[in-house]
PDB file of N, CA and C in Angstrom:
ATOM      1  N   MET A   1     -20.819  20.588  19.622  1.00  0.00           N
ATOM      2  CA  MET A   1     -20.988  19.837  20.848  1.00  0.00           C
ATOM      3  C   MET A   1     -20.384  18.453  20.675  1.00  0.00           C
ATOM      4  N   SER A   2     -19.658  17.998  21.654  1.00  0.00           N
ATOM      5  CA  SER A   2     -19.087  16.654  21.647  1.00  0.00           C
ATOM      6  C   SER A   2     -19.428  15.931  22.931  1.00  0.00           C
ATOM      7  N   ALA A   3     -19.606  14.670  22.794  1.00  0.00           N
ATOM      8  CA  ALA A   3     -19.774  13.822  23.959  1.00  0.00           C
ATOM      9  C   ALA A   3     -18.839  12.648  23.764  1.00  0.00           C
ATOM     10  N   PHE A   4     -17.806  12.554  24.580  1.00  0.00           N
ATOM     11  CA  PHE A   4     -16.869  11.452  24.472  1.00  0.00           C
ATOM     12  C   PHE A   4     -17.344  10.344  25.400  1.00  0.00           C
ATOM     13  N   CYS A   5     -17.955   9.350  24.813  1.00  0.00           N
ATOM     14  CA  CYS A   5     -18.474   8.227  25.571  1.00  0.00           C
ATOM     15  C   CYS A   5     -18.429   7.010  24.664  1.00  0.00           C
ATOM     16  N   LEU A   6     -19.014   5.928  25.086  1.00  0.00           N
ATOM     17  CA  LEU A   6     -18.999   4.708  24.285  1.00  0.00           C
ATOM     18  C   LEU A   6     -19.579   4.957  22.898  1.00  0.00           C
ATOM     19  N   LEU A   7     -20.664   5.711  22.822  1.00  0.00           N
ATOM     20  CA  LEU A   7     -21.266   6.060  21.541  1.00  0.00           C
ATOM     21  C   LEU A   7     -21.135   7.569  21.373  1.00  0.00           C
ATOM     22  N   ALA A   8     -20.167   7.998  20.604  1.00  0.00           N
ATOM     23  CA  ALA A   8     -19.867   9.424  20.462  1.00  0.00           C
ATOM     24  C   ALA A   8     -20.877  10.133  19.572  1.00  0.00           C
ATOM     25  N   GLU A   9     -21.132  11.419  19.891  1.00  0.00           N
ATOM     26  CA  GLU A   9     -22.018  12.270  19.107  1.00  0.00           C
ATOM     27  C   GLU A   9     -21.284  13.560  18.833  1.00  0.00           C
ATOM     28  N   LYS A  10     -21.415  14.061  17.607  1.00  0.00           N
ATOM     29  CA  LYS A  10     -20.771  15.320  17.244  1.00  0.00           C
ATOM     30  C   LYS A  10     -21.609  15.981  16.164  1.00  0.00           C
ATOM     31  N   SER A  11     -21.724  17.311  16.233  1.00  0.00           N
ATOM     32  CA  SER A  11     -22.481  18.011  15.207  1.00  0.00           C
ATOM     33  C   SER A  11     -21.916  19.395  14.974  1.00  0.00           C
ATOM     34  N   ILE A  12     -22.215  19.917  13.799  1.00  0.00           N
ATOM     35  CA  ILE A  12     -21.891  21.285  13.443  1.00  0.00           C
ATOM     36  C   ILE A  12     -23.100  21.829  12.703  1.00  0.00           C
ATOM     37  N   GLY A  13     -23.480  23.054  13.012  1.00  0.00           N
ATOM     38  CA  GLY A  13     -24.630  23.651  12.343  1.00  0.00           C
ATOM     39  C   GLY A  13     -25.955  23.258  12.963  1.00  0.00           C
ATOM     40  N   ALA A  14     -25.997  23.121  14.267  1.00  0.00           N
ATOM     41  CA  ALA A  14     -27.205  22.668  14.945  1.00  0.00           C
ATOM     42  C   ALA A  14     -28.388  23.623  14.771  1.00  0.00           C
ATOM     43  N   GLN A  15     -28.134  24.890  14.454  1.00  0.00           N
ATOM     44  CA  GLN A  15     -29.209  25.868  14.282  1.00  0.00           C
ATOM     45  C   GLN A  15     -29.568  26.079  12.814  1.00  0.00           C
ATOM     46  N   ALA A  16     -29.152  25.199  11.932  1.00  0.00           N
ATOM     47  CA  ALA A  16     -29.363  25.382  10.493  1.00  0.00           C
ATOM     48  C   ALA A  16     -30.840  25.534  10.134  1.00  0.00           C
ATOM     49  N   ARG A  17     -31.701  24.754  10.761  1.00  0.00           N
ATOM     50  CA  ARG A  17     -33.140  24.844  10.457  1.00  0.00           C
ATOM     51  C   ARG A  17     -33.722  26.194  10.854  1.00  0.00           C
ATOM     52  N   GLU A  18     -33.195  26.789  11.897  1.00  0.00           N
ATOM     53  CA  GLU A  18     -33.690  28.096  12.343  1.00  0.00           C
ATOM     54  C   GLU A  18     -33.228  29.217  11.417  1.00  0.00           C
ATOM     55  N   LYS A  19     -32.071  29.051  10.794  1.00  0.00           N
ATOM     56  CA  LYS A  19     -31.491  30.102   9.958  1.00  0.00           C
ATOM     57  C   LYS A  19     -31.911  30.022   8.497  1.00  0.00           C
ATOM     58  N   HIS A  20     -32.316  28.843   8.030  1.00  0.00           N
ATOM     59  CA  HIS A  20     -32.629  28.648   6.613  1.00  0.00           C
ATOM     60  C   HIS A  20     -33.980  27.947   6.467  1.00  0.00           C
ATOM     61  N   SER A  21     -34.788  28.426   5.541  1.00  0.00           N
ATOM     62  CA  SER A  21     -36.106  27.821   5.353  1.00  0.00           C
ATOM     63  C   SER A  21     -36.128  26.783   4.239  1.00  0.00           C
ATOM     64  N   ASP A  22     -35.225  26.887   3.276  1.00  0.00           N
ATOM     65  CA  ASP A  22     -35.231  25.960   2.139  1.00  0.00           C
ATOM     66  C   ASP A  22     -34.083  24.963   2.260  1.00  0.00           C
ATOM     67  N   ILE A  23     -34.255  23.977   3.119  1.00  0.00           N
ATOM     68  CA  ILE A  23     -33.187  23.012   3.345  1.00  0.00           C
ATOM     69  C   ILE A  23     -33.591  21.611   2.903  1.00  0.00           C
ATOM     70  N   ASP A  24     -32.597  20.872   2.498  1.00  0.00           N
ATOM     71  CA  ASP A  24     -32.737  19.448   2.227  1.00  0.00           C
ATOM     72  C   ASP A  24     -31.897  18.721   3.264  1.00  0.00           C
ATOM     73  N   ILE A  25     -32.413  17.622   3.755  1.00  0.00           N
ATOM     74  CA  ILE A  25     -31.690  16.826   4.749  1.00  0.00           C
ATOM     75  C   ILE A  25     -31.415  15.449   4.163  1.00  0.00           C
ATOM     76  N   TYR A  26     -30.158  15.090   4.183  1.00  0.00           N
ATOM     77  CA  TYR A  26     -29.710  13.772   3.740  1.00  0.00           C
ATOM     78  C   TYR A  26     -29.298  13.015   5.002  1.00  0.00           C
ATOM     79  N   LYS A  27     -29.719  11.763   5.112  1.00  0.00           N
ATOM     80  CA  LYS A  27     -29.329  11.008   6.300  1.00  0.00           C
ATOM     81  C   LYS A  27     -29.261   9.525   5.987  1.00  0.00           C
ATOM     82  N   THR A  28     -28.489   8.836   6.806  1.00  0.00           N
ATOM     83  CA  THR A  28     -28.382   7.391   6.673  1.00  0.00           C
ATOM     84  C   THR A  28     -27.961   6.781   8.001  1.00  0.00           C
ATOM     85  N   SER A  29     -28.268   5.544   8.168  1.00  0.00           N
ATOM     86  CA  SER A  29     -27.850   4.757   9.319  1.00  0.00           C
ATOM     87  C   SER A  29     -27.262   3.465   8.753  1.00  0.00           C
ATOM     88  N   PHE A  30     -26.120   3.063   9.255  1.00  0.00           N
ATOM     89  CA  PHE A  30     -25.441   1.908   8.678  1.00  0.00           C
ATOM     90  C   PHE A  30     -24.561   1.242   9.723  1.00  0.00           C
ATOM     91  N   THR A  31     -24.143   0.033   9.426  1.00  0.00           N
ATOM     92  CA  THR A  31     -23.171  -0.678  10.249  1.00  0.00           C
ATOM     93  C   THR A  31     -21.805  -0.506   9.593  1.00  0.00           C
ATOM     94  N   PRO A  32     -20.877   0.189  10.253  1.00  0.00           N
ATOM     95  CA  PRO A  32     -19.548   0.349   9.667  1.00  0.00           C
ATOM     96  C   PRO A  32     -18.902  -1.007   9.379  1.00  0.00           C
ATOM     97  N   MET A  33     -18.095  -1.048   8.326  1.00  0.00           N
ATOM     98  CA  MET A  33     -17.482  -2.305   7.904  1.00  0.00           C
ATOM     99  C   MET A  33     -16.692  -2.978   9.023  1.00  0.00           C
ATOM    100  N   LYS A  34     -15.957  -2.180   9.819  1.00  0.00           N
ATOM    101  CA  LYS A  34     -15.163  -2.796  10.886  1.00  0.00           C
ATOM    102  C   LYS A  34     -16.071  -3.482  11.913  1.00  0.00           C
ATOM    103  N   ASN A  35     -17.287  -2.970  12.097  1.00  0.00           N
ATOM    104  CA  ASN A  35     -18.228  -3.622  13.010  1.00  0.00           C
ATOM    105  C   ASN A  35     -18.839  -4.859  12.368  1.00  0.00           C
ATOM    106  N   ALA A  36     -19.205  -4.752  11.103  1.00  0.00           N
ATOM    107  CA  ALA A  36     -19.810  -5.888  10.410  1.00  0.00           C
ATOM    108  C   ALA A  36     -18.852  -7.077  10.366  1.00  0.00           C
ATOM    109  N   LEU A  37     -17.585  -6.810  10.070  1.00  0.00           N
ATOM    110  CA  LEU A  37     -16.602  -7.894   9.968  1.00  0.00           C
ATOM    111  C   LEU A  37     -16.287  -8.529  11.314  1.00  0.00           C
ATOM    112  N   SER A  38     -16.414  -7.739  12.391  1.00  0.00           N
ATOM    113  CA  SER A  38     -16.105  -8.285  13.719  1.00  0.00           C
ATOM    114  C   SER A  38     -17.342  -8.818  14.435  1.00  0.00           C
ATOM    115  N   GLY A  39     -18.507  -8.709  13.786  1.00  0.00           N
ATOM    116  CA  GLY A  39     -19.731  -9.228  14.370  1.00  0.00           C
ATOM    117  C   GLY A  39     -20.434  -8.278  15.323  1.00  0.00           C
ATOM    118  N   LEU A  40     -19.939  -7.043  15.449  1.00  0.00           N
ATOM    119  CA  LEU A  40     -20.601  -6.061  16.314  1.00  0.00           C
ATOM    120  C   LEU A  40     -21.846  -5.521  15.622  1.00  0.00           C
ATOM    121  N   ASP A  41     -22.890  -5.274  16.391  1.00  0.00           N
ATOM    122  CA  ASP A  41     -24.147  -4.789  15.834  1.00  0.00           C
ATOM    123  C   ASP A  41     -24.293  -3.273  15.991  1.00  0.00           C
ATOM    124  N   GLU A  42     -23.214  -2.575  16.290  1.00  0.00           N
ATOM    125  CA  GLU A  42     -23.261  -1.131  16.524  1.00  0.00           C
ATOM    126  C   GLU A  42     -23.423  -0.377  15.203  1.00  0.00           C
ATOM    127  N   LYS A  43     -24.415   0.516  15.164  1.00  0.00           N
ATOM    128  CA  LYS A  43     -24.691   1.297  13.954  1.00  0.00           C
ATOM    129  C   LYS A  43     -24.152   2.709  14.100  1.00  0.00           C
ATOM    130  N   THR A  44     -24.023   3.388  12.973  1.00  0.00           N
ATOM    131  CA  THR A  44     -23.623   4.791  12.921  1.00  0.00           C
ATOM    132  C   THR A  44     -24.717   5.551  12.183  1.00  0.00           C
ATOM    133  N   PHE A  45     -25.020   6.763  12.649  1.00  0.00           N
ATOM    134  CA  PHE A  45     -26.023   7.620  12.013  1.00  0.00           C
ATOM    135  C   PHE A  45     -25.331   8.893  11.563  1.00  0.00           C
ATOM    136  N   ILE A  46     -25.603   9.323  10.322  1.00  0.00           N
ATOM    137  CA  ILE A  46     -25.090  10.604   9.849  1.00  0.00           C
ATOM    138  C   ILE A  46     -26.204  11.386   9.174  1.00  0.00           C
ATOM    139  N   LYS A  47     -26.071  12.710   9.238  1.00  0.00           N
ATOM    140  CA  LYS A  47     -27.050  13.602   8.619  1.00  0.00           C
ATOM    141  C   LYS A  47     -26.320  14.814   8.064  1.00  0.00           C
ATOM    142  N   MET A  48     -26.750  15.251   6.885  1.00  0.00           N
ATOM    143  CA  MET A  48     -26.192  16.445   6.244  1.00  0.00           C
ATOM    144  C   MET A  48     -27.338  17.395   5.933  1.00  0.00           C
ATOM    145  N   ILE A  49     -27.161  18.682   6.267  1.00  0.00           N
ATOM    146  CA  ILE A  49     -28.175  19.698   6.011  1.00  0.00           C
ATOM    147  C   ILE A  49     -27.642  20.642   4.941  1.00  0.00           C
ATOM    148  N   VAL A  50     -28.430  20.805   3.860  1.00  0.00           N
ATOM    149  CA  VAL A  50     -28.006  21.582   2.694  1.00  0.00           C
ATOM    150  C   VAL A  50     -29.060  22.646   2.387  1.00  0.00           C
ATOM    151  N   VAL A  51     -28.614  23.883   2.142  1.00  0.00           N
ATOM    152  CA  VAL A  51     -29.535  24.937   1.703  1.00  0.00           C
ATOM    153  C   VAL A  51     -29.799  24.704   0.218  1.00  0.00           C
ATOM    154  N   ARG A  52     -31.047  24.433  -0.114  1.00  0.00           N
ATOM    155  CA  ARG A  52     -31.414  24.074  -1.477  1.00  0.00           C
ATOM    156  C   ARG A  52     -31.057  25.161  -2.498  1.00  0.00           C
ATOM    157  N   SER A  53     -31.305  26.417  -2.172  1.00  0.00           N
ATOM    158  CA  SER A  53     -31.101  27.507  -3.134  1.00  0.00           C
ATOM    159  C   SER A  53     -29.627  27.780  -3.448  1.00  0.00           C
ATOM    160  N   THR A  54     -28.726  27.426  -2.545  1.00  0.00           N
ATOM    161  CA  THR A  54     -27.299  27.696  -2.756  1.00  0.00           C
ATOM    162  C   THR A  54     -26.458  26.426  -2.860  1.00  0.00           C
ATOM    163  N   ASP A  55     -27.026  25.280  -2.510  1.00  0.00           N
ATOM    164  CA  ASP A  55     -26.331  23.996  -2.467  1.00  0.00           C
ATOM    165  C   ASP A  55     -25.273  23.952  -1.358  1.00  0.00           C
ATOM    166  N   LYS A  56     -25.271  24.947  -0.487  1.00  0.00           N
ATOM    167  CA  LYS A  56     -24.265  25.038   0.569  1.00  0.00           C
ATOM    168  C   LYS A  56     -24.589  24.083   1.724  1.00  0.00           C
ATOM    169  N   VAL A  57     -23.584  23.358   2.173  1.00  0.00           N
ATOM    170  CA  VAL A  57     -23.735  22.474   3.328  1.00  0.00           C
ATOM    171  C   VAL A  57     -23.623  23.342   4.577  1.00  0.00           C
ATOM    172  N   VAL A  58     -24.668  23.321   5.409  1.00  0.00           N
ATOM    173  CA  VAL A  58     -24.687  24.173   6.605  1.00  0.00           C
ATOM    174  C   VAL A  58     -24.735  23.380   7.901  1.00  0.00           C
ATOM    175  N   GLY A  59     -24.820  22.068   7.813  1.00  0.00           N
ATOM    176  CA  GLY A  59     -24.843  21.264   9.023  1.00  0.00           C
ATOM    177  C   GLY A  59     -24.489  19.816   8.760  1.00  0.00           C
ATOM    178  N   LEU A  60     -23.790  19.224   9.710  1.00  0.00           N
ATOM    179  CA  LEU A  60     -23.459  17.798   9.671  1.00  0.00           C
ATOM    180  C   LEU A  60     -23.607  17.251  11.084  1.00  0.00           C
ATOM    181  N   HIS A  61     -24.160  16.074  11.178  1.00  0.00           N
ATOM    182  CA  HIS A  61     -24.350  15.427  12.477  1.00  0.00           C
ATOM    183  C   HIS A  61     -23.935  13.973  12.351  1.00  0.00           C
ATOM    184  N   MET A  62     -23.340  13.458  13.394  1.00  0.00           N
ATOM    185  CA  MET A  62     -22.923  12.059  13.384  1.00  0.00           C
ATOM    186  C   MET A  62     -23.009  11.487  14.787  1.00  0.00           C
ATOM    187  N   ILE A  63     -23.529  10.270  14.865  1.00  0.00           N
ATOM    188  CA  ILE A  63     -23.544   9.504  16.107  1.00  0.00           C
ATOM    189  C   ILE A  63     -22.890   8.171  15.781  1.00  0.00           C
ATOM    190  N   GLY A  64     -21.788   7.891  16.446  1.00  0.00           N
ATOM    191  CA  GLY A  64     -21.083   6.650  16.191  1.00  0.00           C
ATOM    192  C   GLY A  64     -19.609   6.794  16.505  1.00  0.00           C
ATOM    193  N   ALA A  65     -18.898   5.694  16.348  1.00  0.00           N
ATOM    194  CA  ALA A  65     -17.464   5.684  16.627  1.00  0.00           C
ATOM    195  C   ALA A  65     -16.746   6.717  15.767  1.00  0.00           C
ATOM    196  N   ASP A  66     -15.780   7.380  16.345  1.00  0.00           N
ATOM    197  CA  ASP A  66     -14.929   8.355  15.657  1.00  0.00           C
ATOM    198  C   ASP A  66     -15.650   9.637  15.241  1.00  0.00           C
ATOM    199  N   ALA A  67     -16.867   9.859  15.698  1.00  0.00           N
ATOM    200  CA  ALA A  67     -17.619  11.057  15.315  1.00  0.00           C
ATOM    201  C   ALA A  67     -16.869  12.356  15.608  1.00  0.00           C
ATOM    202  N   PRO A  68     -16.271  12.538  16.782  1.00  0.00           N
ATOM    203  CA  PRO A  68     -15.584  13.812  17.034  1.00  0.00           C
ATOM    204  C   PRO A  68     -14.462  14.095  16.042  1.00  0.00           C
ATOM    205  N   GLU A  69     -13.664  13.084  15.720  1.00  0.00           N
ATOM    206  CA  GLU A  69     -12.558  13.287  14.787  1.00  0.00           C
ATOM    207  C   GLU A  69     -13.061  13.542  13.372  1.00  0.00           C
ATOM    208  N   ILE A  70     -14.077  12.825  12.944  1.00  0.00           N
ATOM    209  CA  ILE A  70     -14.605  12.973  11.583  1.00  0.00           C
ATOM    210  C   ILE A  70     -15.263  14.337  11.413  1.00  0.00           C
ATOM    211  N   ILE A  71     -16.102  14.747  12.354  1.00  0.00           N
ATOM    212  CA  ILE A  71     -16.800  16.027  12.224  1.00  0.00           C
ATOM    213  C   ILE A  71     -15.822  17.195  12.326  1.00  0.00           C
ATOM    214  N   GLN A  72     -14.746  17.048  13.078  1.00  0.00           N
ATOM    215  CA  GLN A  72     -13.747  18.121  13.137  1.00  0.00           C
ATOM    216  C   GLN A  72     -13.217  18.426  11.741  1.00  0.00           C
ATOM    217  N   GLY A  73     -12.912  17.408  10.965  1.00  0.00           N
ATOM    218  CA  GLY A  73     -12.446  17.611   9.596  1.00  0.00           C
ATOM    219  C   GLY A  73     -13.519  18.189   8.706  1.00  0.00           C
ATOM    220  N   MET A  74     -14.743  17.737   8.901  1.00  0.00           N
ATOM    221  CA  MET A  74     -15.859  18.245   8.093  1.00  0.00           C
ATOM    222  C   MET A  74     -16.151  19.715   8.411  1.00  0.00           C
ATOM    223  N   ALA A  75     -15.876  20.125   9.639  1.00  0.00           N
ATOM    224  CA  ALA A  75     -16.107  21.522  10.028  1.00  0.00           C
ATOM    225  C   ALA A  75     -15.262  22.469   9.184  1.00  0.00           C
ATOM    226  N   VAL A  76     -14.073  22.048   8.823  1.00  0.00           N
ATOM    227  CA  VAL A  76     -13.214  22.862   7.970  1.00  0.00           C
ATOM    228  C   VAL A  76     -13.888  23.071   6.613  1.00  0.00           C
ATOM    229  N   ALA A  77     -14.442  22.011   6.044  1.00  0.00           N
ATOM    230  CA  ALA A  77     -15.122  22.113   4.746  1.00  0.00           C
ATOM    231  C   ALA A  77     -16.318  23.062   4.824  1.00  0.00           C
ATOM    232  N   ILE A  78     -17.101  22.961   5.896  1.00  0.00           N
ATOM    233  CA  ILE A  78     -18.273  23.828   6.045  1.00  0.00           C
ATOM    234  C   ILE A  78     -17.835  25.277   6.205  1.00  0.00           C
ATOM    235  N   ARG A  79     -16.836  25.524   7.017  1.00  0.00           N
ATOM    236  CA  ARG A  79     -16.342  26.902   7.203  1.00  0.00           C
ATOM    237  C   ARG A  79     -15.782  27.475   5.913  1.00  0.00           C
ATOM    238  N   ALA A  80     -15.281  26.611   5.036  1.00  0.00           N
ATOM    239  CA  ALA A  80     -14.736  27.056   3.752  1.00  0.00           C
ATOM    240  C   ALA A  80     -15.837  27.238   2.703  1.00  0.00           C
ATOM    241  N   GLY A  81     -17.091  26.923   3.069  1.00  0.00           N
ATOM    242  CA  GLY A  81     -18.206  27.130   2.149  1.00  0.00           C
ATOM    243  C   GLY A  81     -18.491  25.974   1.214  1.00  0.00           C
ATOM    244  N   ALA A  82     -18.137  24.768   1.598  1.00  0.00           N
ATOM    245  CA  ALA A  82     -18.354  23.600   0.737  1.00  0.00           C
ATOM    246  C   ALA A  82     -19.825  23.422   0.377  1.00  0.00           C
ATOM    247  N   THR A  83     -20.050  23.011  -0.845  1.00  0.00           N
ATOM    248  CA  THR A  83     -21.403  22.732  -1.326  1.00  0.00           C
ATOM    249  C   THR A  83     -21.625  21.225  -1.364  1.00  0.00           C
ATOM    250  N   LYS A  84     -22.870  20.839  -1.550  1.00  0.00           N
ATOM    251  CA  LYS A  84     -23.196  19.418  -1.691  1.00  0.00           C
ATOM    252  C   LYS A  84     -22.470  18.853  -2.902  1.00  0.00           C
ATOM    253  N   ALA A  85     -22.366  19.652  -3.974  1.00  0.00           N
ATOM    254  CA  ALA A  85     -21.660  19.207  -5.181  1.00  0.00           C
ATOM    255  C   ALA A  85     -20.194  18.898  -4.883  1.00  0.00           C
ATOM    256  N   VAL A  86     -19.572  19.679  -4.009  1.00  0.00           N
ATOM    257  CA  VAL A  86     -18.185  19.415  -3.628  1.00  0.00           C
ATOM    258  C   VAL A  86     -18.091  18.085  -2.887  1.00  0.00           C
ATOM    259  N   PHE A  87     -18.999  17.857  -1.954  1.00  0.00           N
ATOM    260  CA  PHE A  87     -19.006  16.573  -1.243  1.00  0.00           C
ATOM    261  C   PHE A  87     -19.226  15.433  -2.236  1.00  0.00           C
ATOM    262  N   ASP A  88     -20.185  15.602  -3.160  1.00  0.00           N
ATOM    263  CA  ASP A  88     -20.500  14.546  -4.131  1.00  0.00           C
ATOM    264  C   ASP A  88     -19.326  14.224  -5.046  1.00  0.00           C
ATOM    265  N   SER A  89     -18.488  15.207  -5.328  1.00  0.00           N
ATOM    266  CA  SER A  89     -17.359  14.988  -6.250  1.00  0.00           C
ATOM    267  C   SER A  89     -16.087  14.530  -5.531  1.00  0.00           C
ATOM    268  N   THR A  90     -16.177  14.351  -4.224  1.00  0.00           N
ATOM    269  CA  THR A  90     -15.016  13.921  -3.439  1.00  0.00           C
ATOM    270  C   THR A  90     -14.996  12.399  -3.330  1.00  0.00           C
ATOM    271  N   ILE A  91     -13.839  11.826  -3.520  1.00  0.00           N
ATOM    272  CA  ILE A  91     -13.690  10.379  -3.391  1.00  0.00           C
ATOM    273  C   ILE A  91     -13.530  10.052  -1.910  1.00  0.00           C
ATOM    274  N   GLY A  92     -14.363   9.154  -1.428  1.00  0.00           N
ATOM    275  CA  GLY A  92     -14.332   8.767  -0.022  1.00  0.00           C
ATOM    276  C   GLY A  92     -13.155   7.866   0.309  1.00  0.00           C
ATOM    277  N   ILE A  93     -12.721   7.931   1.555  1.00  0.00           N
ATOM    278  CA  ILE A  93     -11.654   7.053   2.031  1.00  0.00           C
ATOM    279  C   ILE A  93     -12.312   5.740   2.442  1.00  0.00           C
ATOM    280  N   HIS A  94     -11.980   4.667   1.751  1.00  0.00           N
ATOM    281  CA  HIS A  94     -12.635   3.378   1.970  1.00  0.00           C
ATOM    282  C   HIS A  94     -11.665   2.421   2.650  1.00  0.00           C
ATOM    283  N   PRO A  95     -12.090   1.667   3.596  1.00  0.00           N
ATOM    284  CA  PRO A  95     -13.414   1.623   4.217  1.00  0.00           C
ATOM    285  C   PRO A  95     -13.433   2.442   5.508  1.00  0.00           C
ATOM    286  N   THR A  96     -14.146   3.537   5.506  1.00  0.00           N
ATOM    287  CA  THR A  96     -14.309   4.351   6.710  1.00  0.00           C
ATOM    288  C   THR A  96     -15.752   4.820   6.810  1.00  0.00           C
ATOM    289  N   ALA A  97     -16.161   5.166   8.007  1.00  0.00           N
ATOM    290  CA  ALA A  97     -17.501   5.736   8.189  1.00  0.00           C
ATOM    291  C   ALA A  97     -17.578   7.122   7.550  1.00  0.00           C
ATOM    292  N   ALA A  98     -16.454   7.838   7.502  1.00  0.00           N
ATOM    293  CA  ALA A  98     -16.425   9.190   6.939  1.00  0.00           C
ATOM    294  C   ALA A  98     -16.822   9.208   5.470  1.00  0.00           C
ATOM    295  N   GLU A  99     -16.567   8.127   4.751  1.00  0.00           N
ATOM    296  CA  GLU A  99     -16.899   8.116   3.323  1.00  0.00           C
ATOM    297  C   GLU A  99     -18.400   8.226   3.078  1.00  0.00           C
ATOM    298  N   GLU A 100     -19.205   7.921   4.065  1.00  0.00           N
ATOM    299  CA  GLU A 100     -20.651   8.032   3.904  1.00  0.00           C
ATOM    300  C   GLU A 100     -21.082   9.472   3.648  1.00  0.00           C
ATOM    301  N   PHE A 101     -20.327  10.457   4.147  1.00  0.00           N
ATOM    302  CA  PHE A 101     -20.680  11.855   3.916  1.00  0.00           C
ATOM    303  C   PHE A 101     -20.554  12.248   2.453  1.00  0.00           C
ATOM    304  N   VAL A 102     -19.730  11.548   1.680  1.00  0.00           N
ATOM    305  CA  VAL A 102     -19.582  11.882   0.264  1.00  0.00           C
ATOM    306  C   VAL A 102     -20.367  10.942  -0.647  1.00  0.00           C
ATOM    307  N   THR A 103     -21.160  10.050  -0.049  1.00  0.00           N
ATOM    308  CA  THR A 103     -21.987   9.158  -0.859  1.00  0.00           C
ATOM    309  C   THR A 103     -23.485   9.365  -0.636  1.00  0.00           C
ATOM    310  N   LEU A 104     -23.862  10.359   0.156  1.00  0.00           N
ATOM    311  CA  LEU A 104     -25.285  10.655   0.374  1.00  0.00           C
ATOM    312  C   LEU A 104     -25.873  11.183  -0.932  1.00  0.00           C
ATOM    313  N   ARG A 105     -26.918  10.560  -1.457  1.00  0.00           N
ATOM    314  CA  ARG A 105     -27.467  10.975  -2.742  1.00  0.00           C
ATOM    315  C   ARG A 105     -28.945  11.328  -2.706  1.00  0.00           C
ATOM    316  N   GLU A 106     -29.711  10.754  -1.791  1.00  0.00           N
ATOM    317  CA  GLU A 106     -31.159  10.981  -1.779  1.00  0.00           C
ATOM    318  C   GLU A 106     -31.578  11.846  -0.605  1.00  0.00           C
ATOM    319  N   VAL A 107     -32.396  12.858  -0.915  1.00  0.00           N
ATOM    320  CA  VAL A 107     -32.929  13.722   0.135  1.00  0.00           C
ATOM    321  C   VAL A 107     -33.887  12.906   0.986  1.00  0.00           C
ATOM    322  N   SER A 108     -33.699  12.963   2.309  1.00  0.00           N
ATOM    323  CA  SER A 108     -34.569  12.244   3.243  1.00  0.00           C
ATOM    324  C   SER A 108     -35.716  13.120   3.723  1.00  0.00           C
ATOM    325  N   VAL A 109     -35.436  14.415   3.929  1.00  0.00           N
ATOM    326  CA  VAL A 109     -36.445  15.344   4.435  1.00  0.00           C
ATOM    327  C   VAL A 109     -36.342  16.632   3.626  1.00  0.00           C
ATOM    328  N   LEU A 110     -37.475  17.108   3.127  1.00  0.00           N
ATOM    329  CA  LEU A 110     -37.539  18.367   2.394  1.00  0.00           C
ATOM    330  C   LEU A 110     -38.216  19.403   3.252  1.00  0.00           C
ATOM    331  N   SER A 111     -37.660  20.600   3.291  1.00  0.00           N
ATOM    332  CA  SER A 111     -38.330  21.734   3.952  1.00  0.00           C
ATOM    333  C   SER A 111     -38.724  22.720   2.873  1.00  0.00           C
ATOM    334  N   VAL A 112     -39.834  23.392   3.087  1.00  0.00           N
ATOM    335  CA  VAL A 112     -40.292  24.355   2.088  1.00  0.00           C
ATOM    336  C   VAL A 112     -39.879  25.763   2.399  1.00  0.00           C
TER     337      VAL A 112
END
């Protein structure tokens, strides 16, 4: 789903919680560097859903500038079966909001 508006939203794997019971959710909210340097107070939110037993990334969500373009690229990784370990071992493009997807380290929500 995409919404092209002032604050863009994009997601892949919206039904991940319904399909998998053992998931870890990584999330963060931050001010992108281009906003911080220009004095804008606009934040970006990202979330990654990972199946704990397989380490497979099954969902990504983003609210913020460039979300449709960033999630489109991430969709390729998910369709190819990328794991959290693959994301963790990828060097982020700095300074971009997309690099936050490869720097998520702490589980925010645990499902049993």
